[in-house]
Amino acid sequence: MAKLMSEETKLKLGERLGVDDIVREEGWGGVPARQCGMLVREAIRLAEEELSRS
């Protein structure tokens, strides 16, 4: 399966949402579901912005 988002992008989004400490300590599996959902929404918003600029 191809990666949809780089690890760098995921970490930047994690920092925006305040879960970067959890990711560093426990990995992505330690992030609560609610924050993961917020991360996905933010990633979609960023992707839509990029598409609208093209």
N, C-alpha and C. Protein backbone atom coordinates (compact mmCIF):
# COMPACT_ATOMS: atom_id res chain seq x y z
N MET A 1 0.84 -1.17 0.00
CA MET A 1 0.00 0.00 0.00
C MET A 1 0.89 1.25 0.00
N ALA A 2 0.57 2.19 -0.82
CA ALA A 2 1.35 3.42 -0.94
C ALA A 2 1.02 4.36 0.22
N LYS A 3 2.03 5.11 0.66
CA LYS A 3 1.81 6.10 1.71
C LYS A 3 1.06 7.29 1.11
N LEU A 4 0.06 7.73 1.81
CA LEU A 4 -0.71 8.88 1.35
C LEU A 4 -0.16 10.19 1.89
N MET A 5 0.52 10.12 3.05
CA MET A 5 1.04 11.30 3.68
C MET A 5 2.43 10.99 4.22
N SER A 6 3.35 11.92 4.03
CA SER A 6 4.69 11.71 4.55
C SER A 6 4.68 11.78 6.08
N GLU A 7 5.65 11.16 6.69
CA GLU A 7 5.77 11.21 8.14
C GLU A 7 5.96 12.65 8.61
N GLU A 8 6.69 13.44 7.84
CA GLU A 8 6.91 14.85 8.16
C GLU A 8 5.59 15.61 8.21
N THR A 9 4.73 15.38 7.23
CA THR A 9 3.43 16.05 7.19
C THR A 9 2.58 15.63 8.38
N LYS A 10 2.58 14.34 8.69
CA LYS A 10 1.81 13.85 9.83
C LYS A 10 2.30 14.49 11.13
N LEU A 11 3.61 14.61 11.29
CA LEU A 11 4.14 15.22 12.50
C LEU A 11 3.78 16.70 12.60
N LYS A 12 3.79 17.40 11.47
CA LYS A 12 3.39 18.81 11.47
C LYS A 12 1.93 18.95 11.89
N LEU A 13 1.08 18.08 11.36
CA LEU A 13 -0.33 18.11 11.74
C LEU A 13 -0.48 17.76 13.21
N GLY A 14 0.29 16.79 13.67
CA GLY A 14 0.26 16.41 15.09
C GLY A 14 0.65 17.56 15.99
N GLU A 15 1.63 18.34 15.56
CA GLU A 15 2.04 19.52 16.34
C GLU A 15 0.91 20.54 16.40
N ARG A 16 0.25 20.76 15.28
CA ARG A 16 -0.88 21.71 15.24
C ARG A 16 -1.99 21.30 16.20
N LEU A 17 -2.20 20.00 16.32
CA LEU A 17 -3.29 19.50 17.15
C LEU A 17 -2.84 19.18 18.57
N GLY A 18 -1.55 19.37 18.85
CA GLY A 18 -1.06 19.16 20.20
C GLY A 18 -0.87 17.72 20.62
N VAL A 19 -0.71 16.81 19.67
CA VAL A 19 -0.50 15.40 20.01
C VAL A 19 0.92 14.94 19.72
N ASP A 20 1.80 15.85 19.37
CA ASP A 20 3.15 15.48 19.00
C ASP A 20 3.91 14.80 20.14
N ASP A 21 3.64 15.20 21.39
CA ASP A 21 4.29 14.55 22.53
C ASP A 21 3.86 13.08 22.64
N ILE A 22 2.58 12.84 22.44
CA ILE A 22 2.07 11.46 22.49
C ILE A 22 2.72 10.62 21.40
N VAL A 23 2.82 11.18 20.20
CA VAL A 23 3.41 10.46 19.07
C VAL A 23 4.86 10.11 19.37
N ARG A 24 5.62 11.06 19.92
CA ARG A 24 7.03 10.80 20.23
C ARG A 24 7.19 9.72 21.31
N GLU A 25 6.29 9.73 22.30
CA GLU A 25 6.40 8.79 23.41
C GLU A 25 5.83 7.41 23.10
N GLU A 26 4.66 7.37 22.44
CA GLU A 26 3.93 6.12 22.26
C GLU A 26 3.73 5.71 20.80
N GLY A 27 4.05 6.60 19.87
CA GLY A 27 3.76 6.33 18.46
C GLY A 27 2.33 6.73 18.14
N TRP A 28 1.95 6.58 16.89
CA TRP A 28 0.62 6.99 16.46
C TRP A 28 -0.49 6.18 17.11
N GLY A 29 -0.18 4.96 17.53
CA GLY A 29 -1.18 4.12 18.19
C GLY A 29 -1.64 4.65 19.53
N GLY A 30 -0.86 5.54 20.14
CA GLY A 30 -1.23 6.12 21.42
C GLY A 30 -2.12 7.34 21.32
N VAL A 31 -2.33 7.83 20.12
CA VAL A 31 -3.16 9.02 19.92
C VAL A 31 -4.64 8.62 20.01
N PRO A 32 -5.41 9.29 20.87
CA PRO A 32 -6.84 8.96 20.99
C PRO A 32 -7.58 9.13 19.65
N ALA A 33 -8.64 8.35 19.50
CA ALA A 33 -9.40 8.33 18.25
C ALA A 33 -9.91 9.72 17.86
N ARG A 34 -10.36 10.48 18.82
CA ARG A 34 -10.89 11.81 18.52
C ARG A 34 -9.83 12.68 17.85
N GLN A 35 -8.61 12.67 18.39
CA GLN A 35 -7.54 13.46 17.81
C GLN A 35 -7.14 12.92 16.44
N CYS A 36 -7.20 11.61 16.26
CA CYS A 36 -6.91 11.04 14.93
C CYS A 36 -7.92 11.53 13.91
N GLY A 37 -9.18 11.59 14.30
CA GLY A 37 -10.21 12.12 13.41
C GLY A 37 -9.95 13.56 13.06
N MET A 38 -9.53 14.34 14.05
CA MET A 38 -9.22 15.75 13.80
C MET A 38 -8.02 15.87 12.87
N LEU A 39 -7.05 14.97 13.03
CA LEU A 39 -5.88 14.97 12.16
C LEU A 39 -6.27 14.68 10.72
N VAL A 40 -7.16 13.73 10.53
CA VAL A 40 -7.63 13.38 9.18
C VAL A 40 -8.37 14.57 8.56
N ARG A 41 -9.23 15.21 9.35
CA ARG A 41 -9.96 16.38 8.83
C ARG A 41 -9.01 17.49 8.41
N GLU A 42 -7.99 17.72 9.23
CA GLU A 42 -7.02 18.77 8.91
C GLU A 42 -6.23 18.40 7.65
N ALA A 43 -5.87 17.13 7.51
CA ALA A 43 -5.16 16.68 6.32
C ALA A 43 -6.01 16.87 5.07
N ILE A 44 -7.30 16.57 5.18
CA ILE A 44 -8.21 16.75 4.04
C ILE A 44 -8.31 18.23 3.69
N ARG A 45 -8.42 19.08 4.70
CA ARG A 45 -8.51 20.52 4.47
C ARG A 45 -7.27 21.04 3.75
N LEU A 46 -6.09 20.59 4.19
CA LEU A 46 -4.86 21.01 3.55
C LEU A 46 -4.78 20.51 2.10
N ALA A 47 -5.21 19.28 1.87
CA ALA A 47 -5.19 18.73 0.52
C ALA A 47 -6.13 19.52 -0.39
N GLU A 48 -7.30 19.88 0.13
CA GLU A 48 -8.25 20.66 -0.67
C GLU A 48 -7.68 22.03 -1.00
N GLU A 49 -6.98 22.64 -0.04
CA GLU A 49 -6.34 23.92 -0.31
C GLU A 49 -5.30 23.80 -1.42
N GLU A 50 -4.51 22.75 -1.35
CA GLU A 50 -3.48 22.54 -2.38
C GLU A 50 -4.13 22.33 -3.75
N LEU A 51 -5.21 21.59 -3.80
CA LEU A 51 -5.88 21.35 -5.08
C LEU A 51 -6.48 22.62 -5.64
N SER A 52 -7.00 23.48 -4.78
CA SER A 52 -7.62 24.71 -5.25
C SER A 52 -6.57 25.68 -5.79
N ARG A 53 -5.32 25.57 -5.34
CA ARG A 53 -4.25 26.42 -5.84
C ARG A 53 -3.75 25.98 -7.21
N SER A 54 -3.99 24.72 -7.53
CA SER A 54 -3.48 24.18 -8.81
C SER A 54 -4.28 24.63 -9.99
